[in-house]
Amino acid sequence: MIDGDTGLDPMTGVVFARGIGARALAARLGAPGGPGAGPMTDEEILDLDVEAYRPGGSGDGVVRVGEHAGWAFAIEYGDCEGPSRLENVSREGVEAVYYSHNPDHPPTIVFYARDGRRLCGFGLREEWARWGQEPDLLVPDLIAARILAADGAALREDGGDNAADRKRRALAVFEDRFGLSLPRTAFTVDRLPVHAVNGAPAPDFDAVRAWAKSQGHPVPDERLGLVPAGLRRSYDHAVHGQQHLDGMASAPIVATFHTSGVLRHAAE
């Protein structure tokens, strides 16, 4: 996960939980009760009409969930609010780890929480600045990994040490301490259950779904309320295009723009 190139789109966040299953993890992240959507790959998720940023409101957020090596995990897409929900994920004795990849600055961050308390966290390459109720919990591990100096107050300066190597060793502290692991295929080809954890269905979802069913197209999952980008294009062309012709309008059609992928940053 260190380079964020695990799937077809740059990865943002992954939530791990030990002590609950994948479905319970999705629920604690905000998924409604009942089953989620059918299993999807990373590529299929990126074809959904996810509006990750809405001015003045929450964007859409979905997660692909699974279990591996004693931990449940949730891979985030869009606006999932994983960091703000970490205490809820870790309540009642559950352990939780949050990993958020950022290529430059702010740095890639890691958090550890247990029993409803955010205990410790830091940014990779900024381990001297630590957060949480027990910010020094992993200081001995960071010193042993040659990340921090012996006093734990500053980064250790080693001749020839490079940033990429140090980031990997810092992430390995979390991996080793908590027994974390995740196969690369979880981000790429594995078909994993999907849950909506934030946002709202597309305003015209019911209309698009009814049209898709009548035309023999794959019907979008009503539990997600998201329209695949290819279906959106077909629907807009068939319905809005026909309305344009019927009205003999000379002006361009004005409609909502829908992306074919997931927007990661508001500026996009």
Protein backbone atom coordinates (compact mmCIF):
# COMPACT_ATOMS: atom_id res chain seq x y z
CA MET A 1 0.00 0.00 0.00
CA ILE A 2 2.93 2.32 0.50
CA ASP A 3 2.95 3.72 -3.04
CA GLY A 4 -0.82 3.92 -3.45
CA ASP A 5 -0.73 2.15 -6.83
CA THR A 6 -2.64 -0.94 -5.79
CA GLY A 7 -5.70 -0.45 -8.01
CA LEU A 8 -6.71 1.37 -11.18
CA ASP A 9 -7.16 4.66 -9.32
CA PRO A 10 -4.90 6.16 -6.64
CA MET A 11 -5.83 4.63 -3.31
CA THR A 12 -6.92 6.84 -0.44
CA GLY A 13 -7.85 4.90 2.68
CA VAL A 14 -8.17 1.45 4.22
CA VAL A 15 -9.80 0.67 7.57
CA PHE A 16 -8.83 -2.50 9.46
CA ALA A 17 -10.75 -3.94 12.43
CA ARG A 18 -9.96 -6.90 14.67
CA GLY A 19 -12.78 -8.34 16.75
CA ILE A 20 -15.65 -7.89 14.28
CA GLY A 21 -16.45 -9.24 10.81
CA ALA A 22 -16.54 -7.43 7.49
CA ARG A 23 -20.30 -6.75 7.55
CA ALA A 24 -20.11 -5.30 11.06
CA LEU A 25 -17.19 -3.12 9.98
CA ALA A 26 -19.25 -1.74 7.09
CA ALA A 27 -22.10 -0.99 9.49
CA ARG A 28 -19.81 0.88 11.87
CA LEU A 29 -18.54 2.92 8.94
CA GLY A 30 -22.09 4.05 8.17
CA ALA A 31 -23.62 1.34 5.96
CA PRO A 32 -27.37 0.82 6.50
CA GLY A 33 -28.72 -2.48 7.79
CA GLY A 34 -29.25 -5.43 5.52
CA PRO A 35 -27.07 -6.85 2.78
CA GLY A 36 -24.86 -4.72 0.59
CA ALA A 37 -24.48 -4.78 -3.15
CA GLY A 38 -23.11 -7.77 -5.01
CA PRO A 39 -19.34 -8.29 -5.04
CA MET A 40 -17.34 -5.94 -7.26
CA THR A 41 -13.76 -5.45 -8.34
CA ASP A 42 -11.81 -2.21 -8.08
CA GLU A 43 -12.49 -1.54 -11.77
CA GLU A 44 -16.24 -2.00 -11.37
CA ILE A 45 -16.35 0.40 -8.42
CA LEU A 46 -14.57 3.06 -10.45
CA ASP A 47 -17.28 2.80 -13.11
CA LEU A 48 -19.96 3.81 -10.61
CA ASP A 49 -21.36 7.32 -10.70
CA VAL A 50 -19.74 8.33 -7.41
CA GLU A 51 -19.93 12.05 -6.67
CA ALA A 52 -17.19 12.26 -4.07
CA TYR A 53 -17.48 16.00 -3.48
CA ARG A 54 -20.61 18.10 -3.05
CA PRO A 55 -20.32 21.75 -1.98
CA GLY A 56 -21.96 22.15 1.40
CA GLY A 57 -22.73 18.47 1.91
CA SER A 58 -21.38 14.95 2.10
CA GLY A 59 -20.20 13.24 -1.05
CA ASP A 60 -20.84 9.63 -1.98
CA GLY A 61 -18.75 7.01 -0.23
CA VAL A 62 -18.62 3.26 -0.76
CA VAL A 63 -16.38 0.52 0.60
CA ARG A 64 -15.33 -2.92 -0.56
CA VAL A 65 -14.99 -5.19 2.47
CA GLY A 66 -13.38 -8.50 3.30
CA GLU A 67 -11.39 -10.41 5.92
CA HIS A 68 -7.78 -11.51 5.98
CA ALA A 69 -5.33 -12.76 8.63
CA GLY A 70 -7.67 -12.10 11.54
CA TRP A 71 -8.63 -8.57 10.47
CA ALA A 72 -11.69 -7.28 8.65
CA PHE A 73 -10.85 -4.57 6.14
CA ALA A 74 -12.68 -1.88 4.18
CA ILE A 75 -11.18 -0.22 1.09
CA GLU A 76 -12.58 3.29 0.70
CA TYR A 77 -13.83 4.98 -2.46
CA GLY A 78 -15.03 8.57 -2.45
CA ASP A 79 -16.10 10.41 0.70
CA CYS A 80 -16.07 7.73 3.40
CA GLU A 81 -15.03 9.75 6.48
CA GLY A 82 -12.97 6.83 7.81
CA PRO A 83 -10.82 8.89 10.22
CA SER A 84 -13.81 10.51 11.94
CA ARG A 85 -15.48 7.11 12.43
CA LEU A 86 -12.48 5.33 13.90
CA GLU A 87 -13.71 5.62 17.49
CA ASN A 88 -17.04 4.07 16.51
CA VAL A 89 -15.31 1.26 14.62
CA SER A 90 -13.17 0.42 17.65
CA ARG A 91 -15.85 0.50 20.35
CA GLU A 92 -16.54 -2.46 22.66
CA GLY A 93 -12.99 -3.78 22.73
CA VAL A 94 -12.40 -3.81 18.97
CA GLU A 95 -9.00 -2.80 17.60
CA ALA A 96 -8.91 -0.57 14.51
CA VAL A 97 -6.21 0.75 12.21
CA TYR A 98 -6.68 3.46 9.60
CA TYR A 99 -4.27 4.00 6.72
CA SER A 100 -4.59 7.01 4.40
CA HIS A 101 -2.25 7.35 1.45
CA ASN A 102 -1.15 10.80 0.33
CA PRO A 103 1.65 11.09 -2.24
CA ASP A 104 3.13 14.37 -1.02
CA HIS A 105 1.84 16.56 1.79
CA PRO A 106 -0.01 16.18 4.08
CA PRO A 107 1.79 12.89 4.52
CA THR A 108 0.47 9.36 4.46
CA ILE A 109 -0.98 8.75 7.92
CA VAL A 110 -1.64 5.78 10.17
CA PHE A 111 -3.90 5.63 13.25
CA TYR A 112 -4.49 2.97 15.87
CA ALA A 113 -7.62 2.87 18.06
CA ARG A 114 -8.96 0.44 20.63
CA ASP A 115 -12.12 0.26 22.71
CA GLY A 116 -13.50 3.55 21.38
CA ARG A 117 -10.26 5.47 21.98
CA ARG A 118 -7.89 6.82 19.35
CA LEU A 119 -4.61 5.86 20.97
CA CYS A 120 -1.84 6.84 18.57
CA GLY A 121 -1.07 7.99 15.07
CA PHE A 122 1.50 9.80 12.98
CA GLY A 123 2.42 10.80 9.46
CA LEU A 124 5.07 8.77 7.66
CA ARG A 125 8.29 10.80 7.60
CA GLU A 126 6.84 13.00 10.37
CA GLU A 127 6.94 10.47 13.22
CA TRP A 128 8.26 13.09 15.63
CA ALA A 129 4.75 14.63 15.65
CA ARG A 130 2.38 12.05 17.16
CA TRP A 131 -1.30 12.19 18.14
CA GLY A 132 -3.76 10.33 20.32
CA GLN A 133 -4.37 9.54 23.97
CA GLU A 134 -1.18 7.43 24.11
CA PRO A 135 0.96 9.14 21.44
CA ASP A 136 4.17 7.39 22.50
CA LEU A 137 2.72 3.87 22.36
CA LEU A 138 4.88 2.89 19.37
CA VAL A 139 7.97 4.95 20.17
CA PRO A 140 10.04 1.90 21.23
CA ASP A 141 9.15 0.21 17.93
CA LEU A 142 10.02 3.35 15.94
CA ILE A 143 13.38 3.61 17.70
CA ALA A 144 14.12 -0.07 17.05
CA ALA A 145 13.25 0.43 13.37
CA ARG A 146 15.75 3.33 13.17
CA ILE A 147 12.99 5.84 12.47
CA LEU A 148 13.37 7.91 15.63
CA ALA A 149 16.48 8.90 17.56
CA ALA A 150 17.10 7.28 20.93
CA ASP A 151 15.21 9.99 22.82
CA GLY A 152 12.14 9.54 20.60
CA ALA A 153 11.88 13.29 20.08
CA ALA A 154 13.37 13.61 16.59
CA LEU A 155 13.91 11.66 13.40
CA ARG A 156 17.07 9.64 13.31
CA GLU A 157 19.53 10.94 10.75
CA ASP A 158 21.42 8.14 9.03
CA GLY A 159 23.81 8.75 6.19
CA GLY A 160 22.47 7.39 2.92
CA ASP A 161 18.96 6.77 4.26
CA ASN A 162 16.30 7.72 1.70
CA ALA A 163 12.71 8.84 2.14
CA ALA A 164 11.15 5.83 0.40
CA ASP A 165 13.02 3.35 2.58
CA ARG A 166 12.14 5.21 5.76
CA LYS A 167 8.44 5.34 4.85
CA ARG A 168 8.43 1.58 4.30
CA ARG A 169 10.11 0.90 7.62
CA ALA A 170 7.68 3.19 9.43
CA LEU A 171 4.65 1.45 7.92
CA ALA A 172 6.25 -1.89 8.77
CA VAL A 173 6.15 -0.87 12.44
CA PHE A 174 2.34 -0.97 12.27
CA GLU A 175 2.39 -4.14 10.19
CA ASP A 176 4.66 -5.99 12.60
CA ARG A 177 3.16 -4.69 15.84
CA PHE A 178 -0.43 -5.56 14.96
CA GLY A 179 -0.02 -8.47 12.57
CA LEU A 180 -1.48 -6.62 9.57
CA SER A 181 -1.33 -7.97 6.05
CA LEU A 182 -3.42 -7.65 2.93
CA PRO A 183 -2.92 -9.34 -0.46
CA ARG A 184 -2.51 -7.06 -3.44
CA THR A 185 -5.36 -8.88 -5.19
CA ALA A 186 -7.79 -7.36 -2.66
CA PHE A 187 -7.25 -4.04 -4.44
CA THR A 188 -7.31 -5.35 -7.99
CA VAL A 189 -9.04 -8.54 -9.13
CA ASP A 190 -10.83 -9.82 -6.01
CA ARG A 191 -14.61 -9.46 -6.09
CA LEU A 192 -15.59 -8.13 -2.66
CA PRO A 193 -18.95 -7.13 -1.13
CA VAL A 194 -19.77 -3.45 -1.52
CA HIS A 195 -21.61 -1.12 0.88
CA ALA A 196 -22.63 2.54 0.62
CA VAL A 197 -21.47 4.37 3.75
CA ASN A 198 -22.08 8.01 2.86
CA GLY A 199 -24.03 10.26 0.51
CA ALA A 200 -27.44 9.78 -1.09
CA PRO A 201 -28.87 8.01 -4.14
CA ALA A 202 -28.79 9.88 -7.45
CA PRO A 203 -31.91 12.10 -7.65
CA ASP A 204 -33.10 10.30 -10.78
CA PHE A 205 -31.98 6.83 -9.68
CA ASP A 206 -35.48 5.30 -9.79
CA ALA A 207 -36.06 6.65 -13.29
CA VAL A 208 -32.71 5.36 -14.55
CA ARG A 209 -33.32 1.98 -12.94
CA ALA A 210 -36.79 1.65 -14.50
CA TRP A 211 -35.45 2.66 -17.92
CA ALA A 212 -32.55 0.18 -17.67
CA LYS A 213 -34.95 -2.65 -16.79
CA SER A 214 -37.29 -1.79 -19.67
CA GLN A 215 -34.44 -1.66 -22.17
CA GLY A 216 -32.76 -4.88 -21.06
CA HIS A 217 -29.68 -3.15 -19.58
CA PRO A 218 -28.07 -4.39 -16.35
CA VAL A 219 -30.10 -2.85 -13.53
CA PRO A 220 -28.12 -0.74 -11.02
CA ASP A 221 -28.19 -1.96 -7.43
CA GLU A 222 -30.79 -0.05 -5.41
CA ARG A 223 -28.86 -0.71 -2.20
CA LEU A 224 -26.07 1.56 -3.48
CA GLY A 225 -28.20 4.07 -5.33
CA LEU A 226 -25.33 4.69 -7.76
CA VAL A 227 -25.50 4.54 -11.54
CA PRO A 228 -22.63 3.00 -13.56
CA ALA A 229 -21.12 5.60 -15.86
CA GLY A 230 -21.82 3.60 -19.03
CA LEU A 231 -25.49 3.24 -18.12
CA ARG A 232 -25.66 6.95 -17.31
CA ARG A 233 -24.38 7.85 -20.76
CA SER A 234 -26.88 5.53 -22.44
CA TYR A 235 -29.76 6.89 -20.38
CA ASP A 236 -28.87 10.53 -20.93
CA HIS A 237 -28.45 9.96 -24.65
CA ALA A 238 -31.73 8.08 -25.01
CA VAL A 239 -33.93 10.19 -22.72
CA HIS A 240 -32.49 13.69 -22.71
CA GLY A 241 -31.43 13.44 -26.34
CA GLN A 242 -34.96 12.46 -27.38
CA GLN A 243 -36.45 15.26 -25.33
CA HIS A 244 -34.14 17.67 -27.12
CA LEU A 245 -35.29 16.44 -30.54
CA ASP A 246 -38.97 16.45 -29.57
CA GLY A 247 -38.73 20.04 -28.45
CA MET A 248 -36.80 21.15 -31.55
CA ALA A 249 -34.53 23.08 -29.21
CA SER A 250 -31.58 24.84 -30.76
CA ALA A 251 -29.72 25.45 -27.51
CA PRO A 252 -27.36 22.87 -25.95
CA ILE A 253 -28.89 20.46 -23.47
CA VAL A 254 -28.10 21.40 -19.88
CA ALA A 255 -27.72 18.40 -17.60
CA THR A 256 -25.77 17.17 -14.59
CA PHE A 257 -22.22 16.15 -15.41
CA HIS A 258 -21.34 12.66 -14.18
CA THR A 259 -17.80 11.37 -13.87
CA SER A 260 -16.71 7.91 -14.88
CA GLY A 261 -14.38 7.57 -11.91
CA VAL A 262 -13.95 8.68 -8.32
CA LEU A 263 -12.84 12.22 -7.57
CA ARG A 264 -10.25 12.18 -4.84
CA HIS A 265 -9.77 15.88 -4.22
CA ALA A 266 -12.18 18.78 -4.09
CA ALA A 267 -10.05 20.76 -6.52
CA GLU A 268 -10.69 18.18 -9.20
